[in-house]
PDB file of N, CA and C in Angstrom:
ATOM      1  N   MET A   1      84.770   0.245  59.714  1.00  0.00           N
ATOM      2  CA  MET A   1      84.764   0.134  61.155  1.00  0.00           C
ATOM      3  C   MET A   1      83.308   0.021  61.646  1.00  0.00           C
ATOM      4  N   PRO A   2      83.099  -0.648  62.749  1.00  0.00           N
ATOM      5  CA  PRO A   2      81.735  -0.830  63.259  1.00  0.00           C
ATOM      6  C   PRO A   2      80.995   0.488  63.523  1.00  0.00           C
ATOM      7  N   VAL A   3      81.688   1.487  64.040  1.00  0.00           N
ATOM      8  CA  VAL A   3      81.019   2.761  64.327  1.00  0.00           C
ATOM      9  C   VAL A   3      80.587   3.431  63.022  1.00  0.00           C
ATOM     10  N   ASP A   4      81.417   3.361  61.990  1.00  0.00           N
ATOM     11  CA  ASP A   4      81.057   3.928  60.687  1.00  0.00           C
ATOM     12  C   ASP A   4      79.796   3.256  60.139  1.00  0.00           C
ATOM     13  N   GLN A   5      79.727   1.950  60.291  1.00  0.00           N
ATOM     14  CA  GLN A   5      78.546   1.213  59.825  1.00  0.00           C
ATOM     15  C   GLN A   5      77.303   1.611  60.614  1.00  0.00           C
ATOM     16  N   LEU A   6      77.470   1.838  61.903  1.00  0.00           N
ATOM     17  CA  LEU A   6      76.341   2.224  62.741  1.00  0.00           C
ATOM     18  C   LEU A   6      75.801   3.609  62.347  1.00  0.00           C
ATOM     19  N   VAL A   7      76.692   4.546  62.066  1.00  0.00           N
ATOM     20  CA  VAL A   7      76.262   5.884  61.626  1.00  0.00           C
ATOM     21  C   VAL A   7      75.471   5.766  60.328  1.00  0.00           C
ATOM     22  N   ARG A   8      75.915   4.926  59.416  1.00  0.00           N
ATOM     23  CA  ARG A   8      75.209   4.742  58.146  1.00  0.00           C
ATOM     24  C   ARG A   8      73.849   4.049  58.347  1.00  0.00           C
ATOM     25  N   HIS A   9      73.794   3.145  59.295  1.00  0.00           N
ATOM     26  CA  HIS A   9      72.516   2.502  59.623  1.00  0.00           C
ATOM     27  C   HIS A   9      71.497   3.544  60.071  1.00  0.00           C
ATOM     28  N   PHE A  10      71.913   4.410  60.989  1.00  0.00           N
ATOM     29  CA  PHE A  10      71.008   5.451  61.463  1.00  0.00           C
ATOM     30  C   PHE A  10      70.649   6.423  60.347  1.00  0.00           C
ATOM     31  N   SER A  11      71.602   6.741  59.489  1.00  0.00           N
ATOM     32  CA  SER A  11      71.321   7.625  58.356  1.00  0.00           C
ATOM     33  C   SER A  11      70.215   7.048  57.481  1.00  0.00           C
ATOM     34  N   ASN A  12      70.315   5.771  57.149  1.00  0.00           N
ATOM     35  CA  ASN A  12      69.283   5.113  56.343  1.00  0.00           C
ATOM     36  C   ASN A  12      67.940   5.091  57.057  1.00  0.00           C
ATOM     37  N   GLU A  13      67.955   4.823  58.353  1.00  0.00           N
ATOM     38  CA  GLU A  13      66.720   4.779  59.144  1.00  0.00           C
ATOM     39  C   GLU A  13      66.043   6.150  59.177  1.00  0.00           C
ATOM     40  N   PHE A  14      66.815   7.192  59.432  1.00  0.00           N
ATOM     41  CA  PHE A  14      66.242   8.534  59.514  1.00  0.00           C
ATOM     42  C   PHE A  14      65.715   8.993  58.162  1.00  0.00           C
ATOM     43  N   ASP A  15      66.451   8.706  57.103  1.00  0.00           N
ATOM     44  CA  ASP A  15      65.984   9.084  55.762  1.00  0.00           C
ATOM     45  C   ASP A  15      64.682   8.348  55.412  1.00  0.00           C
ATOM     46  N   TRP A  16      64.610   7.057  55.711  1.00  0.00           N
ATOM     47  CA  TRP A  16      63.407   6.291  55.410  1.00  0.00           C
ATOM     48  C   TRP A  16      62.208   6.855  56.163  1.00  0.00           C
ATOM     49  N   ARG A  17      62.397   7.091  57.471  1.00  0.00           N
ATOM     50  CA  ARG A  17      61.283   7.628  58.270  1.00  0.00           C
ATOM     51  C   ARG A  17      60.849   8.997  57.761  1.00  0.00           C
ATOM     52  N   ASN A  18      61.818   9.841  57.438  1.00  0.00           N
ATOM     53  CA  ASN A  18      61.493  11.181  56.959  1.00  0.00           C
ATOM     54  C   ASN A  18      60.705  11.116  55.651  1.00  0.00           C
ATOM     55  N   LEU A  19      61.151  10.292  54.714  1.00  0.00           N
ATOM     56  CA  LEU A  19      60.494  10.218  53.415  1.00  0.00           C
ATOM     57  C   LEU A  19      59.113   9.570  53.479  1.00  0.00           C
ATOM     58  N   HIS A  20      58.918   8.628  54.397  1.00  0.00           N
ATOM     59  CA  HIS A  20      57.646   7.911  54.472  1.00  0.00           C
ATOM     60  C   HIS A  20      56.673   8.451  55.523  1.00  0.00           C
ATOM     61  N   GLN A  21      57.215   9.035  56.602  1.00  0.00           N
ATOM     62  CA  GLN A  21      56.335   9.451  57.696  1.00  0.00           C
ATOM     63  C   GLN A  21      56.546  10.897  58.155  1.00  0.00           C
ATOM     64  N   GLY A  22      57.589  11.559  57.657  1.00  0.00           N
ATOM     65  CA  GLY A  22      57.839  12.952  58.022  1.00  0.00           C
ATOM     66  C   GLY A  22      58.822  13.108  59.167  1.00  0.00           C
ATOM     67  N   LEU A  23      59.310  14.325  59.333  1.00  0.00           N
ATOM     68  CA  LEU A  23      60.319  14.605  60.354  1.00  0.00           C
ATOM     69  C   LEU A  23      59.823  14.376  61.780  1.00  0.00           C
ATOM     70  N   SER A  24      58.540  14.475  61.997  1.00  0.00           N
ATOM     71  CA  SER A  24      58.005  14.294  63.349  1.00  0.00           C
ATOM     72  C   SER A  24      57.975  12.821  63.782  1.00  0.00           C
ATOM     73  N   SER A  25      58.376  11.912  62.899  1.00  0.00           N
ATOM     74  CA  SER A  25      58.338  10.481  63.217  1.00  0.00           C
ATOM     75  C   SER A  25      59.682   9.928  63.693  1.00  0.00           C
ATOM     76  N   MET A  26      60.652  10.798  63.974  1.00  0.00           N
ATOM     77  CA  MET A  26      61.980  10.325  64.343  1.00  0.00           C
ATOM     78  C   MET A  26      61.966   9.597  65.689  1.00  0.00           C
ATOM     79  N   PRO A  27      62.770   8.522  65.796  1.00  0.00           N
ATOM     80  CA  PRO A  27      62.832   7.764  67.054  1.00  0.00           C
ATOM     81  C   PRO A  27      63.638   8.531  68.104  1.00  0.00           C
ATOM     82  N   GLY A  28      63.629   8.046  69.331  1.00  0.00           N
ATOM     83  CA  GLY A  28      64.382   8.684  70.407  1.00  0.00           C
ATOM     84  C   GLY A  28      65.876   8.748  70.132  1.00  0.00           C
ATOM     85  N   SER A  29      66.407   7.783  69.392  1.00  0.00           N
ATOM     86  CA  SER A  29      67.839   7.781  69.076  1.00  0.00           C
ATOM     87  C   SER A  29      68.257   9.000  68.250  1.00  0.00           C
ATOM     88  N   PHE A  30      67.288   9.626  67.598  1.00  0.00           N
ATOM     89  CA  PHE A  30      67.592  10.806  66.784  1.00  0.00           C
ATOM     90  C   PHE A  30      68.116  11.943  67.650  1.00  0.00           C
ATOM     91  N   ASN A  31      67.668  12.025  68.898  1.00  0.00           N
ATOM     92  CA  ASN A  31      68.125  13.092  69.793  1.00  0.00           C
ATOM     93  C   ASN A  31      69.642  13.071  69.979  1.00  0.00           C
ATOM     94  N   VAL A  32      70.231  11.892  69.968  1.00  0.00           N
ATOM     95  CA  VAL A  32      71.684  11.757  70.116  1.00  0.00           C
ATOM     96  C   VAL A  32      72.371  11.787  68.755  1.00  0.00           C
ATOM     97  N   MET A  33      71.848  11.035  67.817  1.00  0.00           N
ATOM     98  CA  MET A  33      72.514  10.855  66.520  1.00  0.00           C
ATOM     99  C   MET A  33      72.402  12.075  65.604  1.00  0.00           C
ATOM    100  N   GLU A  34      71.503  12.981  65.893  1.00  0.00           N
ATOM    101  CA  GLU A  34      71.320  14.172  65.059  1.00  0.00           C
ATOM    102  C   GLU A  34      72.625  14.956  64.905  1.00  0.00           C
ATOM    103  N   ALA A  35      73.498  14.899  65.906  1.00  0.00           N
ATOM    104  CA  ALA A  35      74.759  15.636  65.872  1.00  0.00           C
ATOM    105  C   ALA A  35      75.694  15.147  64.764  1.00  0.00           C
ATOM    106  N   PHE A  36      75.459  13.963  64.225  1.00  0.00           N
ATOM    107  CA  PHE A  36      76.320  13.405  63.188  1.00  0.00           C
ATOM    108  C   PHE A  36      75.839  13.717  61.771  1.00  0.00           C
ATOM    109  N   PHE A  37      74.728  14.443  61.657  1.00  0.00           N
ATOM    110  CA  PHE A  37      74.117  14.689  60.347  1.00  0.00           C
ATOM    111  C   PHE A  37      73.800  16.164  60.144  1.00  0.00           C
ATOM    112  N   ARG A  38      73.679  16.525  58.883  1.00  0.00           N
ATOM    113  CA  ARG A  38      73.175  17.841  58.500  1.00  0.00           C
ATOM    114  C   ARG A  38      71.975  17.597  57.594  1.00  0.00           C
ATOM    115  N   TYR A  39      70.866  18.245  57.900  1.00  0.00           N
ATOM    116  CA  TYR A  39      69.654  18.059  57.107  1.00  0.00           C
ATOM    117  C   TYR A  39      69.749  18.863  55.822  1.00  0.00           C
ATOM    118  N   ASP A  40      69.401  18.237  54.706  1.00  0.00           N
ATOM    119  CA  ASP A  40      69.402  18.854  53.379  1.00  0.00           C
ATOM    120  C   ASP A  40      67.948  19.022  52.935  1.00  0.00           C
ATOM    121  N   PRO A  41      67.309  20.174  53.266  1.00  0.00           N
ATOM    122  CA  PRO A  41      65.877  20.352  52.983  1.00  0.00           C
ATOM    123  C   PRO A  41      65.465  20.185  51.516  1.00  0.00           C
ATOM    124  N   PRO A  42      66.222  20.725  50.534  1.00  0.00           N
ATOM    125  CA  PRO A  42      65.755  20.557  49.150  1.00  0.00           C
ATOM    126  C   PRO A  42      65.607  19.095  48.724  1.00  0.00           C
ATOM    127  N   ASN A  43      66.485  18.245  49.236  1.00  0.00           N
ATOM    128  CA  ASN A  43      66.431  16.824  48.891  1.00  0.00           C
ATOM    129  C   ASN A  43      65.729  15.987  49.956  1.00  0.00           C
ATOM    130  N   SER A  44      65.397  16.612  51.082  1.00  0.00           N
ATOM    131  CA  SER A  44      64.707  15.967  52.189  1.00  0.00           C
ATOM    132  C   SER A  44      65.441  14.724  52.699  1.00  0.00           C
ATOM    133  N   VAL A  45      66.764  14.857  52.864  1.00  0.00           N
ATOM    134  CA  VAL A  45      67.589  13.760  53.375  1.00  0.00           C
ATOM    135  C   VAL A  45      68.570  14.298  54.416  1.00  0.00           C
ATOM    136  N   PHE A  46      69.130  13.381  55.201  1.00  0.00           N
ATOM    137  CA  PHE A  46      70.175  13.714  56.161  1.00  0.00           C
ATOM    138  C   PHE A  46      71.518  13.324  55.554  1.00  0.00           C
ATOM    139  N   ARG A  47      72.458  14.259  55.573  1.00  0.00           N
ATOM    140  CA  ARG A  47      73.811  14.007  55.056  1.00  0.00           C
ATOM    141  C   ARG A  47      74.744  13.753  56.233  1.00  0.00           C
ATOM    142  N   ILE A  48      75.572  12.739  56.119  1.00  0.00           N
ATOM    143  CA  ILE A  48      76.560  12.441  57.150  1.00  0.00           C
ATOM    144  C   ILE A  48      77.659  13.494  57.068  1.00  0.00           C
ATOM    145  N   LEU A  49      78.057  14.018  58.226  1.00  0.00           N
ATOM    146  CA  LEU A  49      79.134  15.004  58.262  1.00  0.00           C
ATOM    147  C   LEU A  49      80.446  14.367  57.826  1.00  0.00           C
ATOM    148  N   GLU A  50      81.419  15.206  57.509  1.00  0.00           N
ATOM    149  CA  GLU A  50      82.753  14.717  57.145  1.00  0.00           C
ATOM    150  C   GLU A  50      83.292  13.864  58.288  1.00  0.00           C
ATOM    151  N   GLU A  51      83.984  12.802  57.936  1.00  0.00           N
ATOM    152  CA  GLU A  51      84.509  11.879  58.938  1.00  0.00           C
ATOM    153  C   GLU A  51      86.034  11.842  58.899  1.00  0.00           C
ATOM    154  N   ARG A  52      86.626  11.724  60.075  1.00  0.00           N
ATOM    155  CA  ARG A  52      88.070  11.531  60.196  1.00  0.00           C
ATOM    156  C   ARG A  52      88.293  10.359  61.133  1.00  0.00           C
ATOM    157  N   ASP A  53      88.751   9.259  60.569  1.00  0.00           N
ATOM    158  CA  ASP A  53      89.002   8.048  61.347  1.00  0.00           C
ATOM    159  C   ASP A  53      90.473   7.991  61.730  1.00  0.00           C
ATOM    160  N   HIS A  54      90.718   7.610  62.974  1.00  0.00           N
ATOM    161  CA  HIS A  54      92.086   7.469  63.474  1.00  0.00           C
ATOM    162  C   HIS A  54      92.223   6.075  64.067  1.00  0.00           C
ATOM    163  N   LEU A  55      93.165   5.312  63.546  1.00  0.00           N
ATOM    164  CA  LEU A  55      93.437   3.981  64.071  1.00  0.00           C
ATOM    165  C   LEU A  55      94.705   4.062  64.917  1.00  0.00           C
ATOM    166  N   VAL A  56      94.554   3.804  66.210  1.00  0.00           N
ATOM    167  CA  VAL A  56      95.667   3.938  67.135  1.00  0.00           C
ATOM    168  C   VAL A  56      95.773   2.668  67.962  1.00  0.00           C
ATOM    169  N   PRO A  57      96.920   1.971  67.874  1.00  0.00           N
ATOM    170  CA  PRO A  57      97.091   0.802  68.745  1.00  0.00           C
ATOM    171  C   PRO A  57      97.051   1.231  70.214  1.00  0.00           C
ATOM    172  N   PHE A  58      96.360   0.468  71.039  1.00  0.00           N
ATOM    173  CA  PHE A  58      96.130   0.835  72.431  1.00  0.00           C
ATOM    174  C   PHE A  58      97.435   1.067  73.183  1.00  0.00           C
ATOM    175  N   LEU A  59      98.427   0.217  72.993  1.00  0.00           N
ATOM    176  CA  LEU A  59      99.698   0.380  73.713  1.00  0.00           C
ATOM    177  C   LEU A  59     100.408   1.665  73.308  1.00  0.00           C
ATOM    178  N   GLU A  60     100.322   2.038  72.026  1.00  0.00           N
ATOM    179  CA  GLU A  60     100.918   3.297  71.593  1.00  0.00           C
ATOM    180  C   GLU A  60     100.180   4.485  72.206  1.00  0.00           C
ATOM    181  N   PHE A  61      98.867   4.373  72.329  1.00  0.00           N
ATOM    182  CA  PHE A  61      98.080   5.414  72.966  1.00  0.00           C
ATOM    183  C   PHE A  61      98.504   5.592  74.424  1.00  0.00           C
ATOM    184  N   LEU A  62      98.664   4.485  75.145  1.00  0.00           N
ATOM    185  CA  LEU A  62      99.106   4.559  76.537  1.00  0.00           C
ATOM    186  C   LEU A  62     100.506   5.150  76.646  1.00  0.00           C
ATOM    187  N   ASP A  63     101.388   4.774  75.731  1.00  0.00           N
ATOM    188  CA  ASP A  63     102.736   5.348  75.721  1.00  0.00           C
ATOM    189  C   ASP A  63     102.675   6.859  75.541  1.00  0.00           C
ATOM    190  N   PHE A  64     101.818   7.326  74.636  1.00  0.00           N
ATOM    191  CA  PHE A  64     101.682   8.757  74.399  1.00  0.00           C
ATOM    192  C   PHE A  64     101.146   9.471  75.634  1.00  0.00           C
ATOM    193  N   LEU A  65     100.105   8.892  76.257  1.00  0.00           N
ATOM    194  CA  LEU A  65      99.506   9.529  77.439  1.00  0.00           C
ATOM    195  C   LEU A  65     100.484   9.663  78.592  1.00  0.00           C
ATOM    196  N   THR A  66     101.375   8.706  78.734  1.00  0.00           N
ATOM    197  CA  THR A  66     102.301   8.711  79.856  1.00  0.00           C
ATOM    198  C   THR A  66     103.632   9.361  79.512  1.00  0.00           C
ATOM    199  N   SER A  67     103.799   9.831  78.283  1.00  0.00           N
ATOM    200  CA  SER A  67     105.042  10.487  77.881  1.00  0.00           C
ATOM    201  C   SER A  67     104.963  11.983  78.170  1.00  0.00           C
ATOM    202  N   GLY A  68     106.055  12.660  77.997  1.00  0.00           N
ATOM    203  CA  GLY A  68     106.089  14.111  78.176  1.00  0.00           C
ATOM    204  C   GLY A  68     105.484  14.854  77.003  1.00  0.00           C
ATOM    205  N   ASP A  69     105.153  14.144  75.896  1.00  0.00           N
ATOM    206  CA  ASP A  69     104.593  14.794  74.705  1.00  0.00           C
ATOM    207  C   ASP A  69     103.105  15.109  74.851  1.00  0.00           C
ATOM    208  N   CYS A  70     102.463  14.503  75.799  1.00  0.00           N
ATOM    209  CA  CYS A  70     101.014  14.670  75.973  1.00  0.00           C
ATOM    210  C   CYS A  70     100.740  15.891  76.843  1.00  0.00           C
ATOM    211  N   SER A  71     100.052  16.843  76.294  1.00  0.00           N
ATOM    212  CA  SER A  71      99.714  18.068  77.022  1.00  0.00           C
ATOM    213  C   SER A  71      98.585  17.804  78.019  1.00  0.00           C
ATOM    214  N   GLU A  72      98.653  18.460  79.152  1.00  0.00           N
ATOM    215  CA  GLU A  72      97.585  18.356  80.143  1.00  0.00           C
ATOM    216  C   GLU A  72      96.582  19.492  79.992  1.00  0.00           C
ATOM    217  N   ASP A  73      96.800  20.358  79.017  1.00  0.00           N
ATOM    218  CA  ASP A  73      95.918  21.498  78.771  1.00  0.00           C
ATOM    219  C   ASP A  73      94.735  21.057  77.908  1.00  0.00           C
ATOM    220  N   VAL A  74      93.633  20.705  78.557  1.00  0.00           N
ATOM    221  CA  VAL A  74      92.454  20.205  77.854  1.00  0.00           C
ATOM    222  C   VAL A  74      91.852  21.286  76.967  1.00  0.00           C
ATOM    223  N   LYS A  75      91.877  22.524  77.413  1.00  0.00           N
ATOM    224  CA  LYS A  75      91.314  23.631  76.635  1.00  0.00           C
ATOM    225  C   LYS A  75      92.036  23.770  75.294  1.00  0.00           C
ATOM    226  N   ALA A  76      93.350  23.688  75.306  1.00  0.00           N
ATOM    227  CA  ALA A  76      94.120  23.790  74.060  1.00  0.00           C
ATOM    228  C   ALA A  76      93.793  22.629  73.129  1.00  0.00           C
ATOM    229  N   ALA A  77      93.632  21.442  73.684  1.00  0.00           N
ATOM    230  CA  ALA A  77      93.286  20.274  72.867  1.00  0.00           C
ATOM    231  C   ALA A  77      91.914  20.447  72.236  1.00  0.00           C
ATOM    232  N   CYS A  78      90.977  20.995  72.978  1.00  0.00           N
ATOM    233  CA  CYS A  78      89.613  21.196  72.459  1.00  0.00           C
ATOM    234  C   CYS A  78      89.574  22.238  71.353  1.00  0.00           C
ATOM    235  N   GLU A  79      90.475  23.197  71.395  1.00  0.00           N
ATOM    236  CA  GLU A  79      90.513  24.229  70.361  1.00  0.00           C
ATOM    237  C   GLU A  79      90.949  23.661  69.010  1.00  0.00           C
ATOM    238  N   ASP A  80      91.631  22.519  69.014  1.00  0.00           N
ATOM    239  CA  ASP A  80      92.073  21.893  67.766  1.00  0.00           C
ATOM    240  C   ASP A  80      90.970  21.079  67.092  1.00  0.00           C
ATOM    241  N   ILE A  81      89.858  20.878  67.771  1.00  0.00           N
ATOM    242  CA  ILE A  81      88.762  20.088  67.214  1.00  0.00           C
ATOM    243  C   ILE A  81      87.874  20.999  66.380  1.00  0.00           C
ATOM    244  N   GLU A  82      87.702  20.652  65.116  1.00  0.00           N
ATOM    245  CA  GLU A  82      86.868  21.435  64.213  1.00  0.00           C
ATOM    246  C   GLU A  82      85.405  21.032  64.362  1.00  0.00           C
ATOM    247  N   GLU A  83      84.508  21.992  64.189  1.00  0.00           N
ATOM    248  CA  GLU A  83      83.082  21.705  64.249  1.00  0.00           C
ATOM    249  C   GLU A  83      82.617  20.998  62.982  1.00  0.00           C
ATOM    250  N   ASP A  84      81.502  20.301  63.099  1.00  0.00           N
ATOM    251  CA  ASP A  84      80.860  19.608  61.980  1.00  0.00           C
ATOM    252  C   ASP A  84      81.744  18.553  61.331  1.00  0.00           C
ATOM    253  N   ILE A  85      82.555  17.896  62.139  1.00  0.00           N
ATOM    254  CA  ILE A  85      83.381  16.773  61.678  1.00  0.00           C
ATOM    255  C   ILE A  85      83.218  15.651  62.693  1.00  0.00           C
ATOM    256  N   ILE A  86      83.047  14.446  62.186  1.00  0.00           N
ATOM    257  CA  ILE A  86      82.952  13.266  63.061  1.00  0.00           C
ATOM    258  C   ILE A  86      84.366  12.724  63.263  1.00  0.00           C
ATOM    259  N   TYR A  87      84.832  12.736  64.489  1.00  0.00           N
ATOM    260  CA  TYR A  87      86.142  12.170  64.823  1.00  0.00           C
ATOM    261  C   TYR A  87      85.916  10.786  65.407  1.00  0.00           C
ATOM    262  N   SER A  88      86.610   9.810  64.873  1.00  0.00           N
ATOM    263  CA  SER A  88      86.478   8.446  65.354  1.00  0.00           C
ATOM    264  C   SER A  88      87.871   7.917  65.697  1.00  0.00           C
ATOM    265  N   PHE A  89      88.026   7.504  66.940  1.00  0.00           N
ATOM    266  CA  PHE A  89      89.303   6.958  67.401  1.00  0.00           C
ATOM    267  C   PHE A  89      89.105   5.491  67.747  1.00  0.00           C
ATOM    268  N   ASN A  90      89.796   4.647  67.027  1.00  0.00           N
ATOM    269  CA  ASN A  90      89.677   3.200  67.214  1.00  0.00           C
ATOM    270  C   ASN A  90      91.052   2.607  67.452  1.00  0.00           C
TER     271      ASN A  90
END
């Protein structure tokens, strides 16, 4: 998926900059993309967090949102999201 490729692009960019110029050389995009990585100090690289990709046809998504099965409790939905995992909905 395009988003998966983009995360890997940034991973390669950050690793290259870190190895050649140090952690203080990170671009502005690192401020946002840092949330998708965990730094591995012994190896001096950024590891991509676990990923969970979900492929959902748009019409099925709309059907779900407008059905009685979709909860309006946003807090309960947020509690089901695990930390340190990249969720991708396409």
